[in-house]
Amino acid sequence: MKYTLFIVSLAWCALLTGCVSQRAEPTPKLQHALLLAPNQSAVNKVISTITNMQNITLADDVFTKNSVVTLGNLNKNNIIKSHQLNPPDQFELMIKNKQCFIRHVDSKATRELKDVECVINE
């Protein structure tokens, strides 16, 4: 009886030790970022892909000073109606493992932003 209890206790300790030792590193999370150098064309391409819209007008320095950009959907004839039917789209520049991403705030649709360098926005 003593030996059975000892063996069961030993197996239990081995099982717990194995589970603890296989704990993985936490997955890095997306963090807000800024572009090191402006790249309006790359940003425009990704945002156009996410929104399925063409002819998006962005500032030359988009995502270099702020990690969030808002695209206004203005109907010049009726600004109030335009904002009620089509609220402005917001996008965030994010970084994970030195890779840049653009994420649509409302839908969380995220696309990689290639051929650019970005840093964490602190």
PDB file of N, CA and C in Angstrom:
ATOM      1  N   MET A   1       0.821  -1.196   0.000  1.00  0.00           N
ATOM      2  CA  MET A   1       0.000   0.000   0.000  1.00  0.00           C
ATOM      3  C   MET A   1       0.861   1.253   0.000  1.00  0.00           C
ATOM      4  N   LYS A   2       1.962   1.225   0.828  1.00  0.00           N
ATOM      5  CA  LYS A   2       2.853   2.382   0.881  1.00  0.00           C
ATOM      6  C   LYS A   2       3.497   2.626  -0.481  1.00  0.00           C
ATOM      7  N   TYR A   3       3.908   1.544  -1.124  1.00  0.00           N
ATOM      8  CA  TYR A   3       4.572   1.678  -2.415  1.00  0.00           C
ATOM      9  C   TYR A   3       3.625   2.213  -3.488  1.00  0.00           C
ATOM     10  N   THR A   4       2.383   1.795  -3.451  1.00  0.00           N
ATOM     11  CA  THR A   4       1.395   2.271  -4.419  1.00  0.00           C
ATOM     12  C   THR A   4       1.160   3.765  -4.243  1.00  0.00           C
ATOM     13  N   LEU A   5       1.020   4.207  -3.009  1.00  0.00           N
ATOM     14  CA  LEU A   5       0.826   5.630  -2.726  1.00  0.00           C
ATOM     15  C   LEU A   5       2.053   6.430  -3.154  1.00  0.00           C
ATOM     16  N   PHE A   6       3.244   5.872  -2.899  1.00  0.00           N
ATOM     17  CA  PHE A   6       4.482   6.543  -3.289  1.00  0.00           C
ATOM     18  C   PHE A   6       4.579   6.679  -4.812  1.00  0.00           C
ATOM     19  N   ILE A   7       4.264   5.627  -5.538  1.00  0.00           N
ATOM     20  CA  ILE A   7       4.339   5.641  -7.003  1.00  0.00           C
ATOM     21  C   ILE A   7       3.311   6.611  -7.586  1.00  0.00           C
ATOM     22  N   VAL A   8       2.108   6.610  -7.040  1.00  0.00           N
ATOM     23  CA  VAL A   8       1.071   7.531  -7.517  1.00  0.00           C
ATOM     24  C   VAL A   8       1.496   8.979  -7.256  1.00  0.00           C
ATOM     25  N   SER A   9       2.051   9.250  -6.078  1.00  0.00           N
ATOM     26  CA  SER A   9       2.518  10.608  -5.750  1.00  0.00           C
ATOM     27  C   SER A   9       3.648  11.031  -6.677  1.00  0.00           C
ATOM     28  N   LEU A  10       4.570  10.136  -6.945  1.00  0.00           N
ATOM     29  CA  LEU A  10       5.690  10.423  -7.833  1.00  0.00           C
ATOM     30  C   LEU A  10       5.205  10.700  -9.258  1.00  0.00           C
ATOM     31  N   ALA A  11       4.263   9.923  -9.745  1.00  0.00           N
ATOM     32  CA  ALA A  11       3.706  10.132 -11.088  1.00  0.00           C
ATOM     33  C   ALA A  11       2.977  11.472 -11.167  1.00  0.00           C
ATOM     34  N   TRP A  12       2.279  11.804 -10.135  1.00  0.00           N
ATOM     35  CA  TRP A  12       1.537  13.067 -10.084  1.00  0.00           C
ATOM     36  C   TRP A  12       2.499  14.248 -10.135  1.00  0.00           C
ATOM     37  N   CYS A  13       3.583  14.187  -9.384  1.00  0.00           N
ATOM     38  CA  CYS A  13       4.599  15.253  -9.402  1.00  0.00           C
ATOM     39  C   CYS A  13       5.240  15.373 -10.784  1.00  0.00           C
ATOM     40  N   ALA A  14       5.534  14.245 -11.399  1.00  0.00           N
ATOM     41  CA  ALA A  14       6.131  14.267 -12.734  1.00  0.00           C
ATOM     42  C   ALA A  14       5.179  14.893 -13.746  1.00  0.00           C
ATOM     43  N   LEU A  15       3.915  14.584 -13.624  1.00  0.00           N
ATOM     44  CA  LEU A  15       2.912  15.150 -14.532  1.00  0.00           C
ATOM     45  C   LEU A  15       2.826  16.664 -14.369  1.00  0.00           C
ATOM     46  N   LEU A  16       2.770  17.131 -13.138  1.00  0.00           N
ATOM     47  CA  LEU A  16       2.688  18.574 -12.885  1.00  0.00           C
ATOM     48  C   LEU A  16       3.942  19.299 -13.353  1.00  0.00           C
ATOM     49  N   THR A  17       5.101  18.710 -13.144  1.00  0.00           N
ATOM     50  CA  THR A  17       6.354  19.317 -13.587  1.00  0.00           C
ATOM     51  C   THR A  17       6.388  19.419 -15.107  1.00  0.00           C
ATOM     52  N   GLY A  18       5.922  18.399 -15.789  1.00  0.00           N
ATOM     53  CA  GLY A  18       5.891  18.422 -17.255  1.00  0.00           C
ATOM     54  C   GLY A  18       4.983  19.506 -17.786  1.00  0.00           C
ATOM     55  N   CYS A  19       3.834  19.708 -17.164  1.00  0.00           N
ATOM     56  CA  CYS A  19       2.899  20.747 -17.615  1.00  0.00           C
ATOM     57  C   CYS A  19       3.471  22.135 -17.409  1.00  0.00           C
ATOM     58  N   VAL A  20       4.146  22.343 -16.297  1.00  0.00           N
ATOM     59  CA  VAL A  20       4.718  23.659 -16.010  1.00  0.00           C
ATOM     60  C   VAL A  20       5.867  23.961 -16.957  1.00  0.00           C
ATOM     61  N   SER A  21       6.689  22.969 -17.271  1.00  0.00           N
ATOM     62  CA  SER A  21       7.859  23.217 -18.107  1.00  0.00           C
ATOM     63  C   SER A  21       7.490  23.489 -19.561  1.00  0.00           C
ATOM     64  N   GLN A  22       6.290  23.122 -20.015  1.00  0.00           N
ATOM     65  CA  GLN A  22       5.896  23.351 -21.396  1.00  0.00           C
ATOM     66  C   GLN A  22       5.114  24.638 -21.584  1.00  0.00           C
ATOM     67  N   ARG A  23       5.101  25.495 -20.577  1.00  0.00           N
ATOM     68  CA  ARG A  23       4.396  26.768 -20.680  1.00  0.00           C
ATOM     69  C   ARG A  23       5.081  27.617 -21.750  1.00  0.00           C
ATOM     70  N   ALA A  24       4.336  28.051 -22.708  1.00  0.00           N
ATOM     71  CA  ALA A  24       4.884  28.819 -23.828  1.00  0.00           C
ATOM     72  C   ALA A  24       5.022  30.289 -23.449  1.00  0.00           C
ATOM     73  N   GLU A  25       5.902  30.966 -24.169  1.00  0.00           N
ATOM     74  CA  GLU A  25       6.032  32.411 -24.005  1.00  0.00           C
ATOM     75  C   GLU A  25       4.739  33.065 -24.466  1.00  0.00           C
ATOM     76  N   PRO A  26       4.330  34.148 -23.827  1.00  0.00           N
ATOM     77  CA  PRO A  26       3.097  34.806 -24.273  1.00  0.00           C
ATOM     78  C   PRO A  26       3.241  35.336 -25.694  1.00  0.00           C
ATOM     79  N   THR A  27       2.158  35.281 -26.432  1.00  0.00           N
ATOM     80  CA  THR A  27       2.152  35.789 -27.797  1.00  0.00           C
ATOM     81  C   THR A  27       2.278  37.306 -27.762  1.00  0.00           C
ATOM     82  N   PRO A  28       3.227  37.863 -28.517  1.00  0.00           N
ATOM     83  CA  PRO A  28       3.343  39.322 -28.525  1.00  0.00           C
ATOM     84  C   PRO A  28       2.075  39.955 -29.081  1.00  0.00           C
ATOM     85  N   LYS A  29       1.671  41.050 -28.479  1.00  0.00           N
ATOM     86  CA  LYS A  29       0.448  41.715 -28.904  1.00  0.00           C
ATOM     87  C   LYS A  29       0.774  42.862 -29.845  1.00  0.00           C
ATOM     88  N   LEU A  30      -0.223  43.237 -30.630  1.00  0.00           N
ATOM     89  CA  LEU A  30      -0.081  44.402 -31.486  1.00  0.00           C
ATOM     90  C   LEU A  30       0.001  45.644 -30.615  1.00  0.00           C
ATOM     91  N   GLN A  31       0.920  46.545 -30.968  1.00  0.00           N
ATOM     92  CA  GLN A  31       1.077  47.802 -30.255  1.00  0.00           C
ATOM     93  C   GLN A  31       0.981  48.944 -31.255  1.00  0.00           C
ATOM     94  N   HIS A  32       0.491  50.097 -30.803  1.00  0.00           N
ATOM     95  CA  HIS A  32       0.414  51.257 -31.687  1.00  0.00           C
ATOM     96  C   HIS A  32       1.814  51.651 -32.139  1.00  0.00           C
ATOM     97  N   ALA A  33       1.902  52.112 -33.385  1.00  0.00           N
ATOM     98  CA  ALA A  33       3.209  52.390 -33.975  1.00  0.00           C
ATOM     99  C   ALA A  33       3.182  53.675 -34.793  1.00  0.00           C
ATOM    100  N   LEU A  34       4.377  54.114 -35.161  1.00  0.00           N
ATOM    101  CA  LEU A  34       4.571  55.249 -36.066  1.00  0.00           C
ATOM    102  C   LEU A  34       5.525  54.822 -37.169  1.00  0.00           C
ATOM    103  N   LEU A  35       5.312  55.357 -38.365  1.00  0.00           N
ATOM    104  CA  LEU A  35       6.237  55.095 -39.468  1.00  0.00           C
ATOM    105  C   LEU A  35       7.511  55.903 -39.259  1.00  0.00           C
ATOM    106  N   LEU A  36       8.653  55.301 -39.563  1.00  0.00           N
ATOM    107  CA  LEU A  36       9.914  56.034 -39.479  1.00  0.00           C
ATOM    108  C   LEU A  36      10.072  56.993 -40.647  1.00  0.00           C
ATOM    109  N   ALA A  37       9.535  56.625 -41.789  1.00  0.00           N
ATOM    110  CA  ALA A  37       9.580  57.484 -42.976  1.00  0.00           C
ATOM    111  C   ALA A  37       8.212  57.433 -43.649  1.00  0.00           C
ATOM    112  N   PRO A  38       7.748  58.556 -44.183  1.00  0.00           N
ATOM    113  CA  PRO A  38       6.436  58.562 -44.842  1.00  0.00           C
ATOM    114  C   PRO A  38       6.396  57.591 -46.024  1.00  0.00           C
ATOM    115  N   ASN A  39       5.263  56.937 -46.197  1.00  0.00           N
ATOM    116  CA  ASN A  39       5.052  56.064 -47.350  1.00  0.00           C
ATOM    117  C   ASN A  39       3.555  56.046 -47.664  1.00  0.00           C
ATOM    118  N   GLN A  40       3.088  57.168 -48.186  1.00  0.00           N
ATOM    119  CA  GLN A  40       1.668  57.351 -48.459  1.00  0.00           C
ATOM    120  C   GLN A  40       1.131  56.286 -49.409  1.00  0.00           C
ATOM    121  N   SER A  41       1.903  55.914 -50.417  1.00  0.00           N
ATOM    122  CA  SER A  41       1.396  54.955 -51.406  1.00  0.00           C
ATOM    123  C   SER A  41       1.173  53.575 -50.796  1.00  0.00           C
ATOM    124  N   ALA A  42       2.070  53.114 -49.933  1.00  0.00           N
ATOM    125  CA  ALA A  42       1.895  51.808 -49.291  1.00  0.00           C
ATOM    126  C   ALA A  42       0.691  51.821 -48.357  1.00  0.00           C
ATOM    127  N   VAL A  43       0.546  52.892 -47.587  1.00  0.00           N
ATOM    128  CA  VAL A  43      -0.590  53.018 -46.671  1.00  0.00           C
ATOM    129  C   VAL A  43      -1.890  53.070 -47.467  1.00  0.00           C
ATOM    130  N   ASN A  44      -1.899  53.851 -48.531  1.00  0.00           N
ATOM    131  CA  ASN A  44      -3.086  53.990 -49.375  1.00  0.00           C
ATOM    132  C   ASN A  44      -3.511  52.633 -49.943  1.00  0.00           C
ATOM    133  N   LYS A  45      -2.543  51.851 -50.373  1.00  0.00           N
ATOM    134  CA  LYS A  45      -2.835  50.537 -50.957  1.00  0.00           C
ATOM    135  C   LYS A  45      -3.503  49.613 -49.931  1.00  0.00           C
ATOM    136  N   VAL A  46      -2.983  49.590 -48.703  1.00  0.00           N
ATOM    137  CA  VAL A  46      -3.543  48.711 -47.672  1.00  0.00           C
ATOM    138  C   VAL A  46      -4.938  49.170 -47.261  1.00  0.00           C
ATOM    139  N   ILE A  47      -5.106  50.476 -47.045  1.00  0.00           N
ATOM    140  CA  ILE A  47      -6.423  50.985 -46.649  1.00  0.00           C
ATOM    141  C   ILE A  47      -7.440  50.751 -47.758  1.00  0.00           C
ATOM    142  N   SER A  48      -7.027  50.917 -49.008  1.00  0.00           N
ATOM    143  CA  SER A  48      -7.928  50.639 -50.136  1.00  0.00           C
ATOM    144  C   SER A  48      -8.349  49.172 -50.156  1.00  0.00           C
ATOM    145  N   THR A  49      -7.424  48.282 -49.825  1.00  0.00           N
ATOM    146  CA  THR A  49      -7.735  46.853 -49.772  1.00  0.00           C
ATOM    147  C   THR A  49      -8.740  46.550 -48.659  1.00  0.00           C
ATOM    148  N   ILE A  50      -8.529  47.139 -47.492  1.00  0.00           N
ATOM    149  CA  ILE A  50      -9.424  46.885 -46.355  1.00  0.00           C
ATOM    150  C   ILE A  50     -10.829  47.418 -46.625  1.00  0.00           C
ATOM    151  N   THR A  51     -10.916  48.617 -47.209  1.00  0.00           N
ATOM    152  CA  THR A  51     -12.219  49.274 -47.374  1.00  0.00           C
ATOM    153  C   THR A  51     -12.884  49.000 -48.712  1.00  0.00           C
ATOM    154  N   ASN A  52     -12.148  48.427 -49.659  1.00  0.00           N
ATOM    155  CA  ASN A  52     -12.647  48.253 -51.025  1.00  0.00           C
ATOM    156  C   ASN A  52     -13.040  49.589 -51.648  1.00  0.00           C
ATOM    157  N   MET A  53     -12.290  50.627 -51.314  1.00  0.00           N
ATOM    158  CA  MET A  53     -12.532  51.964 -51.876  1.00  0.00           C
ATOM    159  C   MET A  53     -11.313  52.391 -52.689  1.00  0.00           C
ATOM    160  N   GLN A  54     -11.567  53.172 -53.695  1.00  0.00           N
ATOM    161  CA  GLN A  54     -10.497  53.740 -54.504  1.00  0.00           C
ATOM    162  C   GLN A  54     -10.444  55.244 -54.260  1.00  0.00           C
ATOM    163  N   ASN A  55      -9.389  55.872 -54.730  1.00  0.00           N
ATOM    164  CA  ASN A  55      -9.229  57.330 -54.645  1.00  0.00           C
ATOM    165  C   ASN A  55      -9.299  57.846 -53.213  1.00  0.00           C
ATOM    166  N   ILE A  56      -8.570  57.215 -52.324  1.00  0.00           N
ATOM    167  CA  ILE A  56      -8.486  57.680 -50.942  1.00  0.00           C
ATOM    168  C   ILE A  56      -7.418  58.764 -50.874  1.00  0.00           C
ATOM    169  N   THR A  57      -7.745  59.864 -50.220  1.00  0.00           N
ATOM    170  CA  THR A  57      -6.794  60.959 -50.077  1.00  0.00           C
ATOM    171  C   THR A  57      -6.204  60.928 -48.675  1.00  0.00           C
ATOM    172  N   LEU A  58      -4.887  60.784 -48.603  1.00  0.00           N
ATOM    173  CA  LEU A  58      -4.183  60.749 -47.327  1.00  0.00           C
ATOM    174  C   LEU A  58      -3.129  61.844 -47.290  1.00  0.00           C
ATOM    175  N   ALA A  59      -2.804  62.296 -46.101  1.00  0.00           N
ATOM    176  CA  ALA A  59      -1.731  63.277 -45.939  1.00  0.00           C
ATOM    177  C   ALA A  59      -0.400  62.622 -46.297  1.00  0.00           C
ATOM    178  N   ASP A  60       0.545  63.438 -46.744  1.00  0.00           N
ATOM    179  CA  ASP A  60       1.864  62.914 -47.106  1.00  0.00           C
ATOM    180  C   ASP A  60       2.559  62.252 -45.914  1.00  0.00           C
ATOM    181  N   ASP A  61       2.310  62.771 -44.721  1.00  0.00           N
ATOM    182  CA  ASP A  61       2.984  62.259 -43.526  1.00  0.00           C
ATOM    183  C   ASP A  61       2.092  61.333 -42.686  1.00  0.00           C
ATOM    184  N   VAL A  62       1.161  60.651 -43.341  1.00  0.00           N
ATOM    185  CA  VAL A  62       0.231  59.776 -42.628  1.00  0.00           C
ATOM    186  C   VAL A  62       0.996  58.748 -41.788  1.00  0.00           C
ATOM    187  N   PHE A  63       0.573  58.569 -40.555  1.00  0.00           N
ATOM    188  CA  PHE A  63       1.132  57.639 -39.573  1.00  0.00           C
ATOM    189  C   PHE A  63       2.561  57.965 -39.141  1.00  0.00           C
ATOM    190  N   THR A  64       3.069  59.151 -39.418  1.00  0.00           N
ATOM    191  CA  THR A  64       4.404  59.502 -38.930  1.00  0.00           C
ATOM    192  C   THR A  64       4.347  60.271 -37.614  1.00  0.00           C
ATOM    193  N   LYS A  65       3.197  60.888 -37.324  1.00  0.00           N
ATOM    194  CA  LYS A  65       3.054  61.676 -36.095  1.00  0.00           C
ATOM    195  C   LYS A  65       1.997  61.111 -35.161  1.00  0.00           C
ATOM    196  N   ASN A  66       1.084  60.335 -35.707  1.00  0.00           N
ATOM    197  CA  ASN A  66      -0.017  59.780 -34.933  1.00  0.00           C
ATOM    198  C   ASN A  66      -0.286  58.363 -35.430  1.00  0.00           C
ATOM    199  N   SER A  67      -0.604  57.456 -34.527  1.00  0.00           N
ATOM    200  CA  SER A  67      -0.824  56.063 -34.931  1.00  0.00           C
ATOM    201  C   SER A  67      -2.258  55.784 -35.366  1.00  0.00           C
ATOM    202  N   VAL A  68      -3.114  56.812 -35.343  1.00  0.00           N
ATOM    203  CA  VAL A  68      -4.506  56.663 -35.780  1.00  0.00           C
ATOM    204  C   VAL A  68      -4.802  57.698 -36.851  1.00  0.00           C
ATOM    205  N   VAL A  69      -5.488  57.276 -37.898  1.00  0.00           N
ATOM    206  CA  VAL A  69      -5.920  58.202 -38.946  1.00  0.00           C
ATOM    207  C   VAL A  69      -7.424  58.007 -39.148  1.00  0.00           C
ATOM    208  N   THR A  70      -8.110  59.119 -39.365  1.00  0.00           N
ATOM    209  CA  THR A  70      -9.558  59.096 -39.583  1.00  0.00           C
ATOM    210  C   THR A  70      -9.852  59.555 -40.993  1.00  0.00           C
ATOM    211  N   LEU A  71     -10.624  58.760 -41.719  1.00  0.00           N
ATOM    212  CA  LEU A  71     -11.058  59.139 -43.060  1.00  0.00           C
ATOM    213  C   LEU A  71     -12.481  59.647 -42.966  1.00  0.00           C
ATOM    214  N   GLY A  72     -12.682  60.902 -43.300  1.00  0.00           N
ATOM    215  CA  GLY A  72     -14.023  61.471 -43.262  1.00  0.00           C
ATOM    216  C   GLY A  72     -14.802  61.094 -44.501  1.00  0.00           C
ATOM    217  N   ASN A  73     -16.058  60.748 -44.316  1.00  0.00           N
ATOM    218  CA  ASN A  73     -16.959  60.439 -45.432  1.00  0.00           C
ATOM    219  C   ASN A  73     -17.929  61.596 -45.568  1.00  0.00           C
ATOM    220  N   LEU A  74     -17.473  62.658 -46.170  1.00  0.00           N
ATOM    221  CA  LEU A  74     -18.286  63.868 -46.221  1.00  0.00           C
ATOM    222  C   LEU A  74     -19.081  63.977 -47.512  1.00  0.00           C
ATOM    223  N   ASN A  75     -20.358  64.198 -47.350  1.00  0.00           N
ATOM    224  CA  ASN A  75     -21.224  64.589 -48.447  1.00  0.00           C
ATOM    225  C   ASN A  75     -21.350  66.100 -48.313  1.00  0.00           C
ATOM    226  N   LYS A  76     -20.707  66.840 -49.182  1.00  0.00           N
ATOM    227  CA  LYS A  76     -20.640  68.293 -49.025  1.00  0.00           C
ATOM    228  C   LYS A  76     -22.008  68.957 -49.027  1.00  0.00           C
ATOM    229  N   ASN A  77     -22.993  68.307 -49.589  1.00  0.00           N
ATOM    230  CA  ASN A  77     -24.334  68.890 -49.615  1.00  0.00           C
ATOM    231  C   ASN A  77     -25.050  68.752 -48.275  1.00  0.00           C
ATOM    232  N   ASN A  78     -24.754  67.689 -47.525  1.00  0.00           N
ATOM    233  CA  ASN A  78     -25.442  67.468 -46.258  1.00  0.00           C
ATOM    234  C   ASN A  78     -24.499  66.756 -45.294  1.00  0.00           C
ATOM    235  N   ILE A  79     -23.721  67.524 -44.548  1.00  0.00           N
ATOM    236  CA  ILE A  79     -22.710  66.966 -43.656  1.00  0.00           C
ATOM    237  C   ILE A  79     -23.344  66.108 -42.566  1.00  0.00           C
ATOM    238  N   ILE A  80     -24.451  66.544 -41.978  1.00  0.00           N
ATOM    239  CA  ILE A  80     -25.091  65.788 -40.896  1.00  0.00           C
ATOM    240  C   ILE A  80     -25.563  64.428 -41.398  1.00  0.00           C
ATOM    241  N   LYS A  81     -26.241  64.400 -42.530  1.00  0.00           N
ATOM    242  CA  LYS A  81     -26.730  63.140 -43.092  1.00  0.00           C
ATOM    243  C   LYS A  81     -25.559  62.220 -43.438  1.00  0.00           C
ATOM    244  N   SER A  82     -24.486  62.778 -43.965  1.00  0.00           N
ATOM    245  CA  SER A  82     -23.321  61.993 -44.336  1.00  0.00           C
ATOM    246  C   SER A  82     -22.726  61.275 -43.132  1.00  0.00           C
ATOM    247  N   HIS A  83     -22.620  61.961 -42.004  1.00  0.00           N
ATOM    248  CA  HIS A  83     -22.045  61.342 -40.809  1.00  0.00           C
ATOM    249  C   HIS A  83     -22.980  60.317 -40.182  1.00  0.00           C
ATOM    250  N   GLN A  84     -24.278  60.475 -40.358  1.00  0.00           N
ATOM    251  CA  GLN A  84     -25.211  59.503 -39.805  1.00  0.00           C
ATOM    252  C   GLN A  84     -25.199  58.215 -40.617  1.00  0.00           C
ATOM    253  N   LEU A  85     -25.158  58.325 -41.925  1.00  0.00           N
ATOM    254  CA  LEU A  85     -25.195  57.149 -42.789  1.00  0.00           C
ATOM    255  C   LEU A  85     -23.835  56.479 -42.916  1.00  0.00           C
ATOM    256  N   ASN A  86     -22.790  57.267 -42.970  1.00  0.00           N
ATOM    257  CA  ASN A  86     -21.438  56.753 -43.162  1.00  0.00           C
ATOM    258  C   ASN A  86     -20.507  57.351 -42.114  1.00  0.00           C
ATOM    259  N   PRO A  87     -20.435  56.767 -40.931  1.00  0.00           N
ATOM    260  CA  PRO A  87     -19.518  57.322 -39.934  1.00  0.00           C
ATOM    261  C   PRO A  87     -18.084  57.234 -40.446  1.00  0.00           C
ATOM    262  N   PRO A  88     -17.230  58.150 -40.023  1.00  0.00           N
ATOM    263  CA  PRO A  88     -15.846  58.142 -40.498  1.00  0.00           C
ATOM    264  C   PRO A  88     -15.140  56.830 -40.142  1.00  0.00           C
ATOM    265  N   ASP A  89     -14.293  56.370 -41.044  1.00  0.00           N
ATOM    266  CA  ASP A  89     -13.494  55.169 -40.795  1.00  0.00           C
ATOM    267  C   ASP A  89     -12.206  55.570 -40.096  1.00  0.00           C
ATOM    268  N   GLN A  90     -11.822  54.789 -39.086  1.00  0.00           N
ATOM    269  CA  GLN A  90     -10.555  55.020 -38.404  1.00  0.00           C
ATOM    270  C   GLN A  90      -9.664  53.804 -38.590  1.00  0.00           C
ATOM    271  N   PHE A  91      -8.376  54.086 -38.743  1.00  0.00           N
ATOM    272  CA  PHE A  91      -7.374  53.049 -38.929  1.00  0.00           C
ATOM    273  C   PHE A  91      -6.227  53.287 -37.964  1.00  0.00           C
ATOM    274  N   GLU A  92      -5.626  52.184 -37.501  1.00  0.00           N
ATOM    275  CA  GLU A  92      -4.502  52.255 -36.576  1.00  0.00           C
ATOM    276  C   GLU A  92      -3.290  51.605 -37.223  1.00  0.00           C
ATOM    277  N   LEU A  93      -2.131  52.219 -37.029  1.00  0.00           N
ATOM    278  CA  LEU A  93      -0.883  51.581 -37.423  1.00  0.00           C
ATOM    279  C   LEU A  93      -0.396  50.799 -36.212  1.00  0.00           C
ATOM    280  N   MET A  94      -0.149  49.514 -36.413  1.00  0.00           N
ATOM    281  CA  MET A  94       0.234  48.628 -35.320  1.00  0.00           C
ATOM    282  C   MET A  94       1.552  47.938 -35.659  1.00  0.00           C
ATOM    283  N   ILE A  95       2.242  47.478 -34.621  1.00  0.00           N
ATOM    284  CA  ILE A  95       3.494  46.744 -34.813  1.00  0.00           C
ATOM    285  C   ILE A  95       3.487  45.494 -33.947  1.00  0.00           C
ATOM    286  N   LYS A  96       4.063  44.434 -34.503  1.00  0.00           N
ATOM    287  CA  LYS A  96       4.235  43.176 -33.772  1.00  0.00           C
ATOM    288  C   LYS A  96       5.475  42.501 -34.336  1.00  0.00           C
ATOM    289  N   ASN A  97       6.448  42.245 -33.482  1.00  0.00           N
ATOM    290  CA  ASN A  97       7.703  41.608 -33.919  1.00  0.00           C
ATOM    291  C   ASN A  97       8.349  42.344 -35.092  1.00  0.00           C
ATOM    292  N   LYS A  98       8.441  43.637 -35.014  1.00  0.00           N
ATOM    293  CA  LYS A  98       9.068  44.494 -36.033  1.00  0.00           C
ATOM    294  C   LYS A  98       8.310  44.514 -37.356  1.00  0.00           C
ATOM    295  N   GLN A  99       7.117  43.942 -37.399  1.00  0.00           N
ATOM    296  CA  GLN A  99       6.294  43.957 -38.609  1.00  0.00           C
ATOM    297  C   GLN A  99       5.149  44.938 -38.411  1.00  0.00           C
ATOM    298  N   CYS A 100       4.876  45.744 -39.439  1.00  0.00           N
ATOM    299  CA  CYS A 100       3.841  46.779 -39.360  1.00  0.00           C
ATOM    300  C   CYS A 100       2.523  46.266 -39.938  1.00  0.00           C
ATOM    301  N   PHE A 101       1.433  46.716 -39.332  1.00  0.00           N
ATOM    302  CA  PHE A 101       0.091  46.346 -39.768  1.00  0.00           C
ATOM    303  C   PHE A 101      -0.810  47.572 -39.708  1.00  0.00           C
ATOM    304  N   ILE A 102      -1.830  47.591 -40.557  1.00  0.00           N
ATOM    305  CA  ILE A 102      -2.883  48.601 -40.458  1.00  0.00           C
ATOM    306  C   ILE A 102      -4.159  47.859 -40.089  1.00  0.00           C
ATOM    307  N   ARG A 103      -4.842  48.384 -39.061  1.00  0.00           N
ATOM    308  CA  ARG A 103      -6.067  47.745 -38.570  1.00  0.00           C
ATOM    309  C   ARG A 103      -7.222  48.735 -38.618  1.00  0.00           C
ATOM    310  N   HIS A 104      -8.341  48.288 -39.179  1.00  0.00           N
ATOM    311  CA  HIS A 104      -9.569  49.085 -39.190  1.00  0.00           C
ATOM    312  C   HIS A 104     -10.164  49.007 -37.788  1.00  0.00           C
ATOM    313  N   VAL A 105     -10.420  50.159 -37.170  1.00  0.00           N
ATOM    314  CA  VAL A 105     -10.843  50.192 -35.769  1.00  0.00           C
ATOM    315  C   VAL A 105     -12.163  49.461 -35.549  1.00  0.00           C
ATOM    316  N   ASP A 106     -13.161  49.701 -36.386  1.00  0.00           N
ATOM    317  CA  ASP A 106     -14.483  49.102 -36.167  1.00  0.00           C
ATOM    318  C   ASP A 106     -14.525  47.606 -36.464  1.00  0.00           C
ATOM    319  N   SER A 107     -14.023  47.205 -37.604  1.00  0.00           N
ATOM    320  CA  SER A 107     -14.137  45.797 -38.010  1.00  0.00           C
ATOM    321  C   SER A 107     -12.981  44.935 -37.512  1.00  0.00           C
ATOM    322  N   LYS A 108     -11.898  45.554 -37.084  1.00  0.00           N
ATOM    323  CA  LYS A 108     -10.664  44.870 -36.666  1.00  0.00           C
ATOM    324  C   LYS A 108      -9.979  44.154 -37.826  1.00  0.00           C
ATOM    325  N   ALA A 109     -10.403  44.443 -39.063  1.00  0.00           N
ATOM    326  CA  ALA A 109      -9.720  43.888 -40.235  1.00  0.00           C
ATOM    327  C   ALA A 109      -8.290  44.415 -40.229  1.00  0.00           C
ATOM    328  N   THR A 110      -7.330  43.518 -40.378  1.00  0.00           N
ATOM    329  CA  THR A 110      -5.921  43.881 -40.257  1.00  0.00           C
ATOM    330  C   THR A 110      -5.158  43.352 -41.462  1.00  0.00           C
ATOM    331  N   ARG A 111      -4.306  44.204 -42.016  1.00  0.00           N
ATOM    332  CA  ARG A 111      -3.475  43.819 -43.162  1.00  0.00           C
ATOM    333  C   ARG A 111      -2.034  44.249 -42.896  1.00  0.00           C
ATOM    334  N   GLU A 112      -1.114  43.452 -43.393  1.00  0.00           N
ATOM    335  CA  GLU A 112       0.303  43.768 -43.255  1.00  0.00           C
ATOM    336  C   GLU A 112       0.658  44.964 -44.132  1.00  0.00           C
ATOM    337  N   LEU A 113       1.498  45.839 -43.605  1.00  0.00           N
ATOM    338  CA  LEU A 113       2.013  46.984 -44.350  1.00  0.00           C
ATOM    339  C   LEU A 113       3.460  46.660 -44.691  1.00  0.00           C
ATOM    340  N   LYS A 114       3.701  46.317 -45.946  1.00  0.00           N
ATOM    341  CA  LYS A 114       5.016  45.827 -46.361  1.00  0.00           C
ATOM    342  C   LYS A 114       5.937  46.966 -46.781  1.00  0.00           C
ATOM    343  N   ASP A 115       7.230  46.668 -46.752  1.00  0.00           N
ATOM    344  CA  ASP A 115       8.277  47.573 -47.236  1.00  0.00           C
ATOM    345  C   ASP A 115       8.304  48.905 -46.499  1.00  0.00           C
ATOM    346  N   VAL A 116       7.998  48.887 -45.218  1.00  0.00           N
ATOM    347  CA  VAL A 116       8.092  50.089 -44.383  1.00  0.00           C
ATOM    348  C   VAL A 116       8.732  49.700 -43.056  1.00  0.00           C
ATOM    349  N   GLU A 117       9.220  50.716 -42.353  1.00  0.00           N
ATOM    350  CA  GLU A 117       9.738  50.508 -41.005  1.00  0.00           C
ATOM    351  C   GLU A 117       8.905  51.329 -40.051  1.00  0.00           C
ATOM    352  N   CYS A 118       8.549  50.719 -38.935  1.00  0.00           N
ATOM    353  CA  CYS A 118       7.803  51.457 -37.927  1.00  0.00           C
ATOM    354  C   CYS A 118       8.352  51.121 -36.545  1.00  0.00           C
ATOM    355  N   VAL A 119       8.020  51.978 -35.593  1.00  0.00           N
ATOM    356  CA  VAL A 119       8.458  51.810 -34.212  1.00  0.00           C
ATOM    357  C   VAL A 119       7.249  51.950 -33.297  1.00  0.00           C
ATOM    358  N   ILE A 120       7.367  51.426 -32.101  1.00  0.00           N
ATOM    359  CA  ILE A 120       6.283  51.531 -31.121  1.00  0.00           C
ATOM    360  C   ILE A 120       6.048  52.998 -30.785  1.00  0.00           C
ATOM    361  N   ASN A 121       4.791  53.395 -30.785  1.00  0.00           N
ATOM    362  CA  ASN A 121       4.402  54.765 -30.436  1.00  0.00           C
ATOM    363  C   ASN A 121       4.250  54.833 -28.922  1.00  0.00           C
ATOM    364  N   GLU A 122       5.214  55.451 -28.283  1.00  0.00           N
ATOM    365  CA  GLU A 122       5.179  55.511 -26.815  1.00  0.00           C
ATOM    366  C   GLU A 122       4.635  56.810 -26.315  1.00  0.00           C
TER     367      GLU A 122
END
